[in-house]
């Protein structure tokens, strides 16, 4: 917008943090959790079996 007021330096820093650093940090945490989750083939088969018994295929 041509006549929009400019953002303060603190507001710009908050916007950058909310759109960049925070999501990146959460993605790293999620990656670590996924990496550490002990999902074996046997466990995967059990989970899939439970899901297919609850949610019928189309």
Protein backbone atom coordinates (compact mmCIF):
# COMPACT_ATOMS: atom_id res chain seq x y z
CA UNK A 1 0.00 0.00 0.00
CA UNK A 2 1.39 3.34 -0.96
CA UNK A 3 0.32 5.26 2.16
CA UNK A 4 0.72 2.49 4.74
CA UNK A 5 2.63 3.48 7.89
CA UNK A 6 6.10 1.99 8.24
CA UNK A 7 6.77 -0.67 10.84
CA UNK A 8 9.10 0.02 13.75
CA UNK A 9 12.36 -1.86 14.01
CA UNK A 10 11.00 -3.89 16.89
CA UNK A 11 7.90 -4.84 14.88
CA UNK A 12 10.04 -5.92 11.93
CA UNK A 13 12.23 -7.99 14.23
CA UNK A 14 9.12 -9.66 15.69
CA UNK A 15 7.77 -10.40 12.21
CA UNK A 16 11.09 -11.92 11.14
CA UNK A 17 11.22 -14.04 14.28
CA UNK A 18 7.62 -15.22 13.87
CA UNK A 19 8.05 -16.09 10.18
CA UNK A 20 11.60 -17.39 10.17
CA UNK A 21 13.39 -18.40 13.35
CA UNK A 22 10.44 -19.80 15.30
CA UNK A 23 9.20 -22.14 12.53
CA UNK A 24 12.77 -23.24 11.81
CA UNK A 25 13.38 -24.07 15.47
CA UNK A 26 10.11 -26.01 15.66
CA UNK A 27 11.02 -27.93 12.49
CA UNK A 28 14.37 -28.92 14.03
CA UNK A 29 12.63 -30.08 17.21
CA UNK A 30 10.10 -32.07 15.18
CA UNK A 31 12.92 -33.65 13.17
CA UNK A 32 14.70 -34.72 16.34
CA UNK A 33 11.52 -36.26 17.72
CA UNK A 34 10.87 -38.12 14.47
CA UNK A 35 14.48 -39.34 14.33
CA UNK A 36 14.36 -40.59 17.93
CA UNK A 37 10.96 -42.32 17.62
CA UNK A 38 11.57 -46.08 17.71
CA UNK A 39 9.35 -47.17 14.81
CA UNK A 40 10.28 -50.71 13.83
CA UNK A 41 8.75 -52.67 10.98
CA UNK A 42 6.79 -54.74 13.50
CA UNK A 43 5.48 -51.63 15.26
CA UNK A 44 4.54 -50.08 11.90
CA UNK A 45 2.58 -53.18 10.88
CA UNK A 46 0.73 -53.11 14.20
CA UNK A 47 -0.21 -49.46 13.83
CA UNK A 48 -1.39 -49.95 10.26
CA UNK A 49 -3.44 -52.96 11.37
CA UNK A 50 -5.10 -50.95 14.12
CA UNK A 51 -5.90 -48.10 11.77
CA UNK A 52 -7.36 -50.31 9.07
CA UNK A 53 -9.63 -52.00 11.61
CA UNK A 54 -10.92 -48.62 12.80
CA UNK A 55 -11.11 -46.82 9.45
CA UNK A 56 -12.39 -49.03 6.64
CA UNK A 57 -10.80 -48.56 3.23
CA UNK A 58 -12.85 -46.89 0.50
